[in-house]
C-alpha cells in the first residue's frame, strides 16, 4: 500500500495537504519510481538541530533531514523538515512560503531517488529536478 503521511511536532498546519500529497505521488511516478510509505514530519529548528547533532554529528541548523528506507526503485523514508528554516529561507530568497516548502519536500524525495547535492554539478542537477517537479504543482 502506497501512503504519504504528514505529521507535525510543532504548531504548523499544512493548508494544501491533499494537493501536495497528490503532487508528490505524480513527481515520483514521473521519474519511474514507486513508493511504499513516506512520512513527512514538520518540526522546529530546535528539534531538527538536536537530530542533526545526534544522528549526523553536525552542529548546524538545517531545513531537512531524510532517513532512507528505500529498496531499489521503491521509495520509503522519514523526511523531517524545519518549518522555521522554511519560513526564514522564503523571506531570504523572497519566495512564497508554500513554494519553498514544496521545494524542500521534493528535495527529500529526490535524495531518496539517490540524487545528491554535494558538488556544484550535483546541486545544479538537483535544482533542475526540483524545478521540473515544482512546475507540476497546482495549489
Protein backbone atom coordinates (compact mmCIF):
# COMPACT_ATOMS: atom_id res chain seq x y z
CA UNK A 1 0.00 0.00 0.00
CA UNK A 2 1.45 3.38 -1.02
CA UNK A 3 0.92 6.13 1.51
CA UNK A 4 2.23 9.62 2.23
CA UNK A 5 1.75 10.87 5.78
CA UNK A 6 2.14 14.43 7.02
CA UNK A 7 2.81 14.79 10.74
CA UNK A 8 3.66 17.79 12.85
CA UNK A 9 5.71 18.18 16.01
CA UNK A 10 5.13 21.93 16.05
CA UNK A 11 2.19 24.31 15.62
CA UNK A 12 2.36 24.11 11.81
CA UNK A 13 -0.79 23.27 9.85
CA UNK A 14 -0.32 22.47 6.16
CA UNK A 15 -3.01 24.34 4.21
CA UNK A 16 -2.57 22.39 0.96
CA UNK A 17 -2.03 18.88 2.32
CA UNK A 18 -4.01 16.90 -0.27
CA UNK A 19 -2.67 18.91 -3.23
CA UNK A 20 0.91 18.34 -2.05
CA UNK A 21 0.37 14.62 -1.47
CA UNK A 22 -1.03 14.16 -4.99
CA UNK A 23 1.77 16.28 -6.44
CA UNK A 24 4.47 14.23 -4.69
CA UNK A 25 2.89 10.99 -5.96
CA UNK A 26 2.89 12.38 -9.53
CA UNK A 27 6.52 13.53 -9.28
CA UNK A 28 7.62 10.11 -8.04
CA UNK A 29 5.77 8.31 -10.81
CA UNK A 30 7.08 10.74 -13.47
CA UNK A 31 10.64 9.66 -12.53
CA UNK A 32 9.68 5.96 -12.89
CA UNK A 33 9.77 5.26 -9.16
CA UNK A 34 7.10 3.97 -6.83
CA UNK A 35 6.83 4.28 -3.08
CA UNK A 36 5.76 2.33 -0.07
CA UNK A 37 5.49 4.80 2.81
CA UNK A 38 6.76 8.36 3.02
CA UNK A 39 6.45 10.24 6.28
CA UNK A 40 6.92 13.99 6.41
CA UNK A 41 7.42 15.27 9.93
CA UNK A 42 7.27 19.05 10.35
CA UNK A 43 9.34 20.29 13.28
CA UNK A 44 11.01 23.44 14.59
CA UNK A 45 14.69 24.41 14.49
CA UNK A 46 15.44 23.10 17.99
CA UNK A 47 14.01 19.66 17.18
CA UNK A 48 15.88 19.31 13.87
CA UNK A 49 19.13 20.72 15.27
CA UNK A 50 19.03 18.07 18.01
CA UNK A 51 18.51 15.36 15.39
CA UNK A 52 21.32 16.79 13.26
CA UNK A 53 23.68 16.58 16.25
CA UNK A 54 22.53 13.13 17.37
CA UNK A 55 22.34 11.29 14.06
CA UNK A 56 24.73 13.19 11.77
CA UNK A 57 27.10 14.82 14.26
CA UNK A 58 26.51 18.21 12.58
CA UNK A 59 26.24 21.21 14.88
CA UNK A 60 24.28 23.29 12.37
CA UNK A 61 20.72 24.23 11.63
CA UNK A 62 19.27 22.65 8.51
CA UNK A 63 15.96 22.66 6.69
CA UNK A 64 15.71 18.90 6.10
CA UNK A 65 17.00 15.53 7.25
CA UNK A 66 16.00 12.46 5.28
CA UNK A 67 16.11 8.89 6.57
CA UNK A 68 16.08 6.50 3.63
CA UNK A 69 14.32 3.11 3.80
CA UNK A 70 14.07 2.68 0.02
CA UNK A 71 14.64 -0.61 -1.72
CA UNK A 72 15.66 -0.16 -5.33
CA UNK A 73 13.10 1.98 -7.14
CA UNK A 74 10.51 1.62 -4.36
CA UNK A 75 10.93 4.66 -2.14
CA UNK A 76 10.40 4.78 1.59
CA UNK A 77 11.57 7.16 4.24
CA UNK A 78 11.08 9.66 7.01
CA UNK A 79 11.62 13.28 5.98
CA UNK A 80 12.00 15.79 8.81
CA UNK A 81 11.53 19.44 7.83
CA UNK A 82 12.14 22.54 9.94
CA UNK A 83 9.24 24.93 9.42
CA UNK A 84 11.41 27.66 10.99
CA UNK A 85 14.09 27.20 8.29
CA UNK A 86 11.46 27.17 5.52
CA UNK A 87 9.96 30.41 6.81
CA UNK A 88 13.38 32.09 7.10
CA UNK A 89 14.51 30.86 3.66
CA UNK A 90 11.29 32.02 2.00
CA UNK A 91 11.97 35.51 3.35
CA UNK A 92 15.67 35.37 2.47
CA UNK A 93 15.01 34.21 -1.12
CA UNK A 94 11.86 36.35 -1.46
CA UNK A 95 9.64 33.43 -2.37
CA UNK A 96 6.27 32.21 -1.17
CA UNK A 97 6.41 30.05 1.99
CA UNK A 98 4.48 27.20 0.37
CA UNK A 99 6.70 27.27 -2.72
CA UNK A 100 9.80 26.98 -0.54
CA UNK A 101 8.12 24.22 1.45
CA UNK A 102 7.34 22.30 -1.75
CA UNK A 103 10.95 22.68 -2.92
CA UNK A 104 12.26 21.18 0.31
CA UNK A 105 9.64 18.42 0.35
CA UNK A 106 10.55 17.27 -3.15
CA UNK A 107 14.26 17.72 -2.36
CA UNK A 108 13.88 14.97 0.25
CA UNK A 109 12.19 12.68 -2.27
CA UNK A 110 14.99 13.32 -4.78
CA UNK A 111 17.50 12.25 -2.13
CA UNK A 112 15.53 9.01 -1.76
CA UNK A 113 15.94 8.58 -5.54
CA UNK A 114 19.72 8.77 -4.87
CA UNK A 115 20.23 12.27 -6.29
CA UNK A 116 22.83 14.16 -4.30
CA UNK A 117 23.87 17.79 -3.90
CA UNK A 118 27.44 17.82 -2.64
CA UNK A 119 29.19 19.17 -5.74
CA UNK A 120 28.22 22.19 -7.83
CA UNK A 121 27.23 19.91 -10.72
CA UNK A 122 25.03 17.81 -8.41
CA UNK A 123 23.46 20.96 -6.95
CA UNK A 124 22.61 22.20 -10.45
CA UNK A 125 21.05 18.85 -11.37
CA UNK A 126 19.09 18.78 -8.10
CA UNK A 127 17.78 22.32 -8.69
CA UNK A 128 16.69 21.39 -12.23
CA UNK A 129 14.84 18.31 -10.95
CA UNK A 130 13.21 20.37 -8.19
CA UNK A 131 12.09 22.97 -10.74
CA UNK A 132 10.71 20.26 -13.04
CA UNK A 133 8.58 18.93 -10.20
CA UNK A 134 7.57 22.40 -8.95
CA UNK A 135 6.24 23.19 -12.41
CA UNK A 136 3.68 20.38 -11.88
CA UNK A 137 2.37 21.76 -8.58
CA UNK A 138 -1.11 23.29 -8.53
CA UNK A 139 -2.45 24.51 -5.20
